[in-house]
């Protein structure tokens, strides 16, 4: 199990950062609507969306927010972390063809509670922030995970 695990709380330090970027496609929006059940026409119906303040279709805000989860689960802290809380403030829309960059930065480490607080932000190419917030994750200590039979034991 340890070989698949990401960073342990002992490995983290304030200021560490990781990023995931993805260009949002028509298919992403359609699939997200299907998976989430959010079929708001501002996401799916161009003629409806043209009459809104956005003057066209926009991606689901939670689609962009899900890229933050991608960073947590695959990069920092990586596999094994547990998402506990997320505060989000949506700042600007994302449209088909926009490349969204999700960035997480370690803000505070609460080692005794095995909690790590992160600043989270998604922006599009060009630096326009589309959402920002703060997340709290549970991050295991090395001592929390069992040692597999193949793994060498520490000398006592």
N, C-alpha and C. Protein backbone atom coordinates (compact mmCIF):
# COMPACT_ATOMS: atom_id res chain seq x y z
N UNK A 1 0.82 -1.19 0.00
CA UNK A 1 0.00 0.00 0.00
C UNK A 1 0.86 1.26 0.00
N UNK A 2 2.00 1.22 0.69
CA UNK A 2 2.86 2.40 0.77
C UNK A 2 3.40 2.82 -0.59
N UNK A 3 3.64 1.85 -1.47
CA UNK A 3 4.21 2.19 -2.78
C UNK A 3 3.24 3.00 -3.64
N UNK A 4 1.95 2.94 -3.34
CA UNK A 4 0.96 3.70 -4.09
C UNK A 4 0.60 5.01 -3.39
N UNK A 5 1.09 5.21 -2.21
CA UNK A 5 0.74 6.37 -1.40
C UNK A 5 1.49 7.61 -1.87
N UNK A 6 0.83 8.76 -1.76
CA UNK A 6 1.47 10.02 -2.09
C UNK A 6 2.32 10.50 -0.92
N UNK A 7 2.39 11.81 -0.76
CA UNK A 7 3.15 12.38 0.34
C UNK A 7 2.52 12.02 1.67
N UNK A 8 3.35 11.80 2.66
CA UNK A 8 2.89 11.68 4.04
C UNK A 8 3.01 13.05 4.68
N UNK A 9 2.32 13.23 5.80
CA UNK A 9 2.31 14.55 6.44
C UNK A 9 3.73 14.99 6.80
N UNK A 10 4.60 14.04 7.10
CA UNK A 10 6.00 14.37 7.43
C UNK A 10 6.76 14.94 6.24
N UNK A 11 6.28 14.68 5.03
CA UNK A 11 6.96 15.12 3.80
C UNK A 11 6.56 16.53 3.37
N UNK A 12 5.49 17.05 3.96
CA UNK A 12 4.93 18.33 3.50
C UNK A 12 5.54 19.51 4.23
N UNK A 13 5.57 20.65 3.53
CA UNK A 13 6.00 21.90 4.16
C UNK A 13 5.17 23.04 3.56
N UNK A 14 5.00 24.08 4.35
CA UNK A 14 4.23 25.23 3.89
C UNK A 14 4.85 25.79 2.61
N UNK A 15 3.99 26.15 1.66
CA UNK A 15 4.44 26.70 0.40
C UNK A 15 4.55 25.70 -0.73
N UNK A 16 4.53 24.39 -0.42
CA UNK A 16 4.57 23.39 -1.49
C UNK A 16 3.36 23.59 -2.40
N UNK A 17 3.56 23.43 -3.70
CA UNK A 17 2.52 23.70 -4.68
C UNK A 17 2.50 22.60 -5.74
N UNK A 18 1.31 22.32 -6.25
CA UNK A 18 1.17 21.41 -7.39
C UNK A 18 0.04 21.93 -8.28
N UNK A 19 0.10 21.51 -9.56
CA UNK A 19 -0.80 22.06 -10.57
C UNK A 19 -1.32 20.94 -11.48
N UNK A 20 -2.55 21.12 -11.94
CA UNK A 20 -3.13 20.29 -13.00
C UNK A 20 -3.83 21.23 -13.96
N UNK A 21 -3.65 21.03 -15.26
CA UNK A 21 -4.30 21.88 -16.26
C UNK A 21 -5.05 21.02 -17.27
N UNK A 22 -6.20 21.53 -17.69
CA UNK A 22 -7.01 20.82 -18.68
C UNK A 22 -7.78 21.83 -19.51
N UNK A 23 -7.83 21.57 -20.82
CA UNK A 23 -8.66 22.37 -21.71
C UNK A 23 -10.06 21.79 -21.70
N UNK A 24 -11.04 22.62 -21.36
CA UNK A 24 -12.43 22.17 -21.23
C UNK A 24 -13.04 22.02 -22.62
N UNK A 25 -13.58 20.84 -22.88
CA UNK A 25 -14.18 20.53 -24.18
C UNK A 25 -15.70 20.48 -24.07
N UNK A 26 -16.32 20.48 -25.24
CA UNK A 26 -17.78 20.27 -25.33
C UNK A 26 -18.15 18.97 -24.63
N UNK A 27 -17.38 17.92 -24.90
CA UNK A 27 -17.66 16.61 -24.30
C UNK A 27 -17.56 16.66 -22.78
N UNK A 28 -16.58 17.39 -22.24
CA UNK A 28 -16.44 17.50 -20.78
C UNK A 28 -17.72 18.06 -20.16
N UNK A 29 -18.26 19.12 -20.76
CA UNK A 29 -19.46 19.77 -20.22
C UNK A 29 -20.66 18.83 -20.33
N UNK A 30 -20.81 18.18 -21.46
CA UNK A 30 -21.93 17.26 -21.65
C UNK A 30 -21.84 16.08 -20.68
N UNK A 31 -20.65 15.50 -20.54
CA UNK A 31 -20.49 14.36 -19.63
C UNK A 31 -20.69 14.79 -18.18
N UNK A 32 -20.18 15.97 -17.81
CA UNK A 32 -20.36 16.45 -16.44
C UNK A 32 -21.84 16.65 -16.14
N UNK A 33 -22.59 17.19 -17.11
CA UNK A 33 -24.04 17.36 -16.93
C UNK A 33 -24.70 16.01 -16.69
N UNK A 34 -24.30 15.01 -17.46
CA UNK A 34 -24.87 13.68 -17.31
C UNK A 34 -24.53 13.03 -15.99
N UNK A 35 -23.29 13.16 -15.58
CA UNK A 35 -22.84 12.54 -14.33
C UNK A 35 -23.44 13.25 -13.12
N UNK A 36 -23.45 14.58 -13.15
CA UNK A 36 -23.90 15.36 -11.99
C UNK A 36 -25.41 15.54 -11.96
N UNK A 37 -26.05 15.45 -13.12
CA UNK A 37 -27.48 15.73 -13.20
C UNK A 37 -27.79 17.20 -13.34
N UNK A 38 -26.75 18.05 -13.39
CA UNK A 38 -26.96 19.50 -13.53
C UNK A 38 -27.12 19.81 -15.01
N UNK A 39 -28.37 19.90 -15.44
CA UNK A 39 -28.68 20.17 -16.85
C UNK A 39 -29.17 21.60 -17.05
N UNK A 40 -28.71 22.51 -16.21
CA UNK A 40 -29.04 23.92 -16.36
C UNK A 40 -28.73 24.33 -17.80
N UNK A 41 -29.69 24.95 -18.49
CA UNK A 41 -29.46 25.29 -19.90
C UNK A 41 -28.33 26.30 -20.12
N UNK A 42 -27.88 26.99 -19.09
CA UNK A 42 -26.73 27.90 -19.26
C UNK A 42 -25.48 27.11 -19.65
N UNK A 43 -25.49 25.80 -19.34
CA UNK A 43 -24.36 24.93 -19.69
C UNK A 43 -24.57 24.21 -21.02
N UNK A 44 -25.82 23.98 -21.41
CA UNK A 44 -26.10 23.07 -22.51
C UNK A 44 -26.82 23.68 -23.71
N UNK A 45 -27.47 24.81 -23.56
CA UNK A 45 -28.32 25.37 -24.61
C UNK A 45 -27.80 26.74 -25.02
N UNK A 46 -27.15 26.80 -26.19
CA UNK A 46 -26.51 28.04 -26.64
C UNK A 46 -27.51 29.19 -26.76
N UNK A 47 -28.68 28.95 -27.35
CA UNK A 47 -29.64 30.05 -27.53
C UNK A 47 -30.13 30.57 -26.18
N UNK A 48 -30.34 29.70 -25.23
CA UNK A 48 -30.71 30.14 -23.88
C UNK A 48 -29.56 30.94 -23.26
N UNK A 49 -28.36 30.37 -23.33
CA UNK A 49 -27.19 30.98 -22.67
C UNK A 49 -26.82 32.33 -23.28
N UNK A 50 -27.11 32.53 -24.56
CA UNK A 50 -26.82 33.82 -25.19
C UNK A 50 -27.63 34.95 -24.56
N UNK A 51 -28.74 34.61 -23.94
CA UNK A 51 -29.60 35.63 -23.31
C UNK A 51 -29.19 35.94 -21.87
N UNK A 52 -28.17 35.27 -21.37
CA UNK A 52 -27.72 35.48 -20.00
C UNK A 52 -26.59 36.50 -19.95
N UNK A 53 -26.18 36.84 -18.76
CA UNK A 53 -25.08 37.78 -18.57
C UNK A 53 -23.76 37.26 -19.16
N UNK A 54 -23.69 35.94 -19.45
CA UNK A 54 -22.47 35.34 -19.98
C UNK A 54 -22.41 35.40 -21.50
N UNK A 55 -23.51 35.71 -22.15
CA UNK A 55 -23.60 35.81 -23.61
C UNK A 55 -23.20 34.53 -24.32
N UNK A 56 -23.39 33.42 -23.66
CA UNK A 56 -23.07 32.12 -24.26
C UNK A 56 -22.92 31.07 -23.17
N UNK A 57 -22.75 29.85 -23.62
CA UNK A 57 -22.66 28.72 -22.69
C UNK A 57 -21.41 28.80 -21.83
N UNK A 58 -21.54 28.33 -20.60
CA UNK A 58 -20.40 28.26 -19.68
C UNK A 58 -20.31 26.85 -19.11
N UNK A 59 -19.12 26.49 -18.71
CA UNK A 59 -18.90 25.21 -18.04
C UNK A 59 -19.45 25.28 -16.62
N UNK A 60 -19.80 24.15 -16.08
CA UNK A 60 -20.21 24.07 -14.69
C UNK A 60 -19.07 24.54 -13.79
N UNK A 61 -19.38 25.35 -12.80
CA UNK A 61 -18.35 25.78 -11.86
C UNK A 61 -17.73 24.60 -11.14
N UNK A 62 -18.54 23.60 -10.84
CA UNK A 62 -18.01 22.43 -10.13
C UNK A 62 -17.13 21.57 -11.02
N UNK A 63 -17.25 21.69 -12.34
CA UNK A 63 -16.31 21.01 -13.23
C UNK A 63 -14.92 21.56 -13.01
N UNK A 64 -14.81 22.88 -13.01
CA UNK A 64 -13.50 23.49 -12.73
C UNK A 64 -13.02 23.13 -11.34
N UNK A 65 -13.92 23.16 -10.36
CA UNK A 65 -13.55 22.83 -8.99
C UNK A 65 -13.06 21.39 -8.87
N UNK A 66 -13.59 20.51 -9.72
CA UNK A 66 -13.17 19.10 -9.64
C UNK A 66 -11.70 18.92 -10.01
N UNK A 67 -11.14 19.89 -10.75
CA UNK A 67 -9.72 19.80 -11.08
C UNK A 67 -8.84 19.97 -9.84
N UNK A 68 -9.37 20.66 -8.83
CA UNK A 68 -8.65 20.77 -7.54
C UNK A 68 -8.54 19.38 -6.93
N UNK A 69 -9.63 18.63 -6.97
CA UNK A 69 -9.61 17.26 -6.47
C UNK A 69 -8.60 16.40 -7.22
N UNK A 70 -8.47 16.66 -8.52
CA UNK A 70 -7.48 15.93 -9.32
C UNK A 70 -6.07 16.16 -8.78
N UNK A 71 -5.75 17.41 -8.46
CA UNK A 71 -4.42 17.71 -7.91
C UNK A 71 -4.23 16.96 -6.59
N UNK A 72 -5.22 17.08 -5.70
CA UNK A 72 -5.10 16.43 -4.40
C UNK A 72 -4.92 14.91 -4.53
N UNK A 73 -5.72 14.29 -5.35
CA UNK A 73 -5.71 12.83 -5.44
C UNK A 73 -4.55 12.24 -6.22
N UNK A 74 -3.91 13.07 -7.06
CA UNK A 74 -2.85 12.51 -7.92
C UNK A 74 -1.48 13.13 -7.73
N UNK A 75 -1.42 14.34 -7.13
CA UNK A 75 -0.13 15.04 -7.08
C UNK A 75 0.27 15.49 -5.68
N UNK A 76 -0.56 16.27 -5.04
CA UNK A 76 -0.21 16.83 -3.73
C UNK A 76 -1.46 16.94 -2.87
N UNK A 77 -1.57 16.21 -1.82
CA UNK A 77 -0.61 15.25 -1.28
C UNK A 77 -0.54 13.94 -2.05
N UNK A 78 -1.53 13.66 -2.92
CA UNK A 78 -1.49 12.46 -3.74
C UNK A 78 -2.32 11.33 -3.16
N UNK A 79 -2.18 10.14 -3.75
CA UNK A 79 -3.00 9.00 -3.34
C UNK A 79 -2.95 8.77 -1.83
N UNK A 80 -4.13 8.48 -1.29
CA UNK A 80 -4.24 8.18 0.14
C UNK A 80 -4.79 9.33 0.97
N UNK A 81 -4.77 10.55 0.44
CA UNK A 81 -5.30 11.69 1.21
C UNK A 81 -6.82 11.62 1.22
N UNK A 82 -7.42 12.27 2.21
CA UNK A 82 -8.87 12.31 2.35
C UNK A 82 -9.33 13.76 2.35
N UNK A 83 -10.18 14.10 1.41
CA UNK A 83 -10.74 15.46 1.26
C UNK A 83 -11.78 15.66 2.36
N UNK A 84 -11.61 16.65 3.21
CA UNK A 84 -12.55 16.88 4.31
C UNK A 84 -13.44 18.10 4.11
N UNK A 85 -12.89 19.18 3.55
CA UNK A 85 -13.64 20.43 3.46
C UNK A 85 -13.11 21.26 2.31
N UNK A 86 -14.02 21.99 1.66
CA UNK A 86 -13.63 22.90 0.58
C UNK A 86 -14.54 24.12 0.62
N UNK A 87 -13.94 25.29 0.65
CA UNK A 87 -14.65 26.56 0.54
C UNK A 87 -14.33 27.10 -0.84
N UNK A 88 -15.35 27.51 -1.60
CA UNK A 88 -15.14 28.01 -2.96
C UNK A 88 -15.82 29.36 -3.15
N UNK A 89 -15.15 30.21 -3.90
CA UNK A 89 -15.72 31.48 -4.36
C UNK A 89 -15.53 31.52 -5.87
N UNK A 90 -16.66 31.52 -6.58
CA UNK A 90 -16.62 31.54 -8.04
C UNK A 90 -16.48 32.97 -8.51
N UNK A 91 -15.48 33.24 -9.35
CA UNK A 91 -15.13 34.61 -9.73
C UNK A 91 -15.41 34.94 -11.19
N UNK A 92 -15.33 33.96 -12.08
CA UNK A 92 -15.49 34.22 -13.51
C UNK A 92 -15.87 32.92 -14.21
N UNK A 93 -16.53 33.02 -15.37
CA UNK A 93 -16.95 31.82 -16.08
C UNK A 93 -15.81 31.16 -16.87
N UNK A 94 -16.03 29.89 -17.16
CA UNK A 94 -15.15 29.11 -18.03
C UNK A 94 -15.99 28.70 -19.22
N UNK A 95 -15.42 28.83 -20.41
CA UNK A 95 -16.13 28.46 -21.64
C UNK A 95 -15.39 27.33 -22.36
N UNK A 96 -16.09 26.69 -23.27
CA UNK A 96 -15.47 25.64 -24.08
C UNK A 96 -14.21 26.19 -24.72
N UNK A 97 -13.13 25.44 -24.62
CA UNK A 97 -11.85 25.84 -25.19
C UNK A 97 -10.91 26.52 -24.21
N UNK A 98 -11.44 26.95 -23.06
CA UNK A 98 -10.57 27.55 -22.03
C UNK A 98 -9.73 26.47 -21.38
N UNK A 99 -8.46 26.76 -21.15
CA UNK A 99 -7.60 25.85 -20.38
C UNK A 99 -7.61 26.33 -18.94
N UNK A 100 -8.06 25.45 -18.06
CA UNK A 100 -8.15 25.75 -16.63
C UNK A 100 -6.96 25.12 -15.93
N UNK A 101 -6.28 25.93 -15.12
CA UNK A 101 -5.16 25.45 -14.31
C UNK A 101 -5.59 25.47 -12.85
N UNK A 102 -5.61 24.31 -12.23
CA UNK A 102 -5.91 24.19 -10.80
C UNK A 102 -4.60 24.14 -10.05
N UNK A 103 -4.45 25.00 -9.05
CA UNK A 103 -3.22 25.08 -8.26
C UNK A 103 -3.58 24.96 -6.78
N UNK A 104 -2.87 24.09 -6.07
CA UNK A 104 -3.04 23.97 -4.62
C UNK A 104 -1.70 24.28 -3.96
N UNK A 105 -1.78 24.97 -2.82
CA UNK A 105 -0.57 25.36 -2.10
C UNK A 105 -0.77 25.07 -0.62
N UNK A 106 0.19 24.39 -0.02
CA UNK A 106 0.11 24.10 1.41
C UNK A 106 0.16 25.41 2.18
N UNK A 107 -0.86 25.63 2.99
CA UNK A 107 -0.98 26.86 3.78
C UNK A 107 -0.62 26.61 5.24
N UNK A 108 -1.09 25.49 5.77
CA UNK A 108 -0.89 25.20 7.20
C UNK A 108 -0.89 23.69 7.41
N UNK A 109 0.02 23.23 8.25
CA UNK A 109 0.09 21.81 8.59
C UNK A 109 -0.24 21.66 10.07
N UNK A 110 -1.24 20.84 10.35
CA UNK A 110 -1.66 20.54 11.73
C UNK A 110 -1.31 19.08 11.99
N UNK A 111 -0.03 18.83 12.22
CA UNK A 111 0.48 17.46 12.30
C UNK A 111 -0.23 16.62 13.35
N UNK A 112 -0.50 17.21 14.52
CA UNK A 112 -1.13 16.44 15.59
C UNK A 112 -2.53 15.96 15.22
N UNK A 113 -3.22 16.68 14.34
CA UNK A 113 -4.56 16.30 13.89
C UNK A 113 -4.54 15.58 12.54
N UNK A 114 -3.35 15.50 11.95
CA UNK A 114 -3.18 14.93 10.60
C UNK A 114 -4.03 15.69 9.58
N UNK A 115 -4.05 17.00 9.72
CA UNK A 115 -4.80 17.88 8.82
C UNK A 115 -3.84 18.82 8.12
N UNK A 116 -4.14 19.11 6.86
CA UNK A 116 -3.36 20.07 6.09
C UNK A 116 -4.36 21.01 5.41
N UNK A 117 -4.13 22.31 5.57
CA UNK A 117 -4.96 23.33 4.95
C UNK A 117 -4.24 23.83 3.70
N UNK A 118 -5.00 23.94 2.61
CA UNK A 118 -4.45 24.36 1.32
C UNK A 118 -5.19 25.59 0.82
N UNK A 119 -4.46 26.50 0.20
CA UNK A 119 -5.09 27.52 -0.64
C UNK A 119 -5.35 26.84 -1.98
N UNK A 120 -6.51 27.09 -2.56
CA UNK A 120 -6.87 26.49 -3.85
C UNK A 120 -7.30 27.59 -4.81
N UNK A 121 -6.86 27.48 -6.05
CA UNK A 121 -7.24 28.48 -7.06
C UNK A 121 -7.28 27.81 -8.43
N UNK A 122 -8.27 28.20 -9.22
CA UNK A 122 -8.32 27.80 -10.62
C UNK A 122 -8.29 29.07 -11.44
N UNK A 123 -7.46 29.06 -12.46
CA UNK A 123 -7.38 30.21 -13.37
C UNK A 123 -7.33 29.68 -14.79
N UNK A 124 -7.62 30.56 -15.73
CA UNK A 124 -7.51 30.19 -17.14
C UNK A 124 -6.22 30.79 -17.69
N UNK A 125 -5.78 30.25 -18.82
CA UNK A 125 -4.57 30.77 -19.43
C UNK A 125 -4.72 32.28 -19.59
N UNK A 126 -3.71 32.99 -19.18
CA UNK A 126 -3.78 34.45 -19.16
C UNK A 126 -3.91 34.96 -17.74
N UNK A 127 -4.15 34.03 -16.80
CA UNK A 127 -4.14 34.39 -15.39
C UNK A 127 -5.45 34.82 -14.77
N UNK A 128 -6.56 34.84 -15.52
CA UNK A 128 -7.85 35.24 -14.95
C UNK A 128 -8.30 34.17 -13.96
N UNK A 129 -8.50 34.56 -12.70
CA UNK A 129 -8.94 33.63 -11.67
C UNK A 129 -10.43 33.35 -11.87
N UNK A 130 -10.78 32.05 -11.94
CA UNK A 130 -12.18 31.67 -12.11
C UNK A 130 -12.80 31.17 -10.82
N UNK A 131 -11.97 30.67 -9.92
CA UNK A 131 -12.45 30.32 -8.58
C UNK A 131 -11.27 30.25 -7.63
N UNK A 132 -11.57 30.50 -6.36
CA UNK A 132 -10.54 30.39 -5.33
C UNK A 132 -11.18 29.92 -4.05
N UNK A 133 -10.37 29.40 -3.16
CA UNK A 133 -10.90 28.92 -1.90
C UNK A 133 -9.83 28.33 -1.02
N UNK A 134 -10.31 27.53 -0.09
CA UNK A 134 -9.42 26.89 0.89
C UNK A 134 -9.96 25.49 1.15
N UNK A 135 -9.07 24.54 1.28
CA UNK A 135 -9.45 23.14 1.51
C UNK A 135 -8.71 22.59 2.71
N UNK A 136 -9.33 21.62 3.37
CA UNK A 136 -8.69 20.89 4.45
C UNK A 136 -8.70 19.41 4.09
N UNK A 137 -7.55 18.78 4.21
CA UNK A 137 -7.42 17.35 3.91
C UNK A 137 -6.82 16.62 5.09
N UNK A 138 -7.16 15.35 5.23
CA UNK A 138 -6.49 14.47 6.16
C UNK A 138 -5.35 13.82 5.39
N UNK A 139 -4.16 13.88 5.96
CA UNK A 139 -2.99 13.29 5.32
C UNK A 139 -2.34 12.35 6.33
N UNK A 140 -2.17 11.11 5.93
CA UNK A 140 -1.63 10.09 6.82
C UNK A 140 -0.16 10.34 7.18
N UNK A 141 0.18 9.87 8.34
CA UNK A 141 1.57 9.78 8.77
C UNK A 141 2.10 8.42 8.31
N UNK A 142 3.39 8.31 8.14
CA UNK A 142 3.97 7.02 7.78
C UNK A 142 3.60 5.95 8.80
N UNK A 143 3.47 6.34 10.05
CA UNK A 143 3.16 5.39 11.13
C UNK A 143 1.74 4.83 11.02
N UNK A 144 0.87 5.48 10.25
CA UNK A 144 -0.53 5.06 10.14
C UNK A 144 -0.72 3.84 9.25
N UNK A 145 0.20 3.62 8.32
CA UNK A 145 -0.01 2.56 7.34
C UNK A 145 0.74 1.30 7.72
N UNK A 146 0.10 0.17 7.51
CA UNK A 146 0.78 -1.10 7.82
C UNK A 146 1.95 -1.33 6.86
N UNK A 147 2.92 -2.02 7.34
CA UNK A 147 4.07 -2.38 6.52
C UNK A 147 3.73 -3.69 5.84
N UNK A 148 3.95 -3.76 4.52
CA UNK A 148 3.66 -4.99 3.79
C UNK A 148 4.75 -6.03 4.10
N UNK A 149 4.44 -7.31 3.93
CA UNK A 149 5.44 -8.36 4.23
C UNK A 149 6.72 -8.22 3.41
N UNK A 150 6.61 -7.64 2.20
CA UNK A 150 7.81 -7.51 1.34
C UNK A 150 8.68 -6.31 1.75
N UNK A 151 8.11 -5.39 2.54
CA UNK A 151 8.82 -4.17 2.89
C UNK A 151 9.77 -4.43 4.06
N UNK A 152 11.01 -3.98 3.96
CA UNK A 152 11.95 -4.22 5.06
C UNK A 152 11.50 -3.50 6.33
N UNK A 153 11.69 -4.18 7.45
CA UNK A 153 11.36 -3.61 8.75
C UNK A 153 12.52 -2.75 9.23
N UNK A 154 12.21 -1.67 9.93
CA UNK A 154 13.26 -0.83 10.50
C UNK A 154 13.97 -1.59 11.60
N UNK A 155 15.27 -1.42 11.71
CA UNK A 155 16.04 -2.08 12.77
C UNK A 155 15.66 -1.47 14.11
N UNK A 156 15.52 -2.34 15.11
CA UNK A 156 15.16 -1.83 16.44
C UNK A 156 16.34 -1.74 17.32
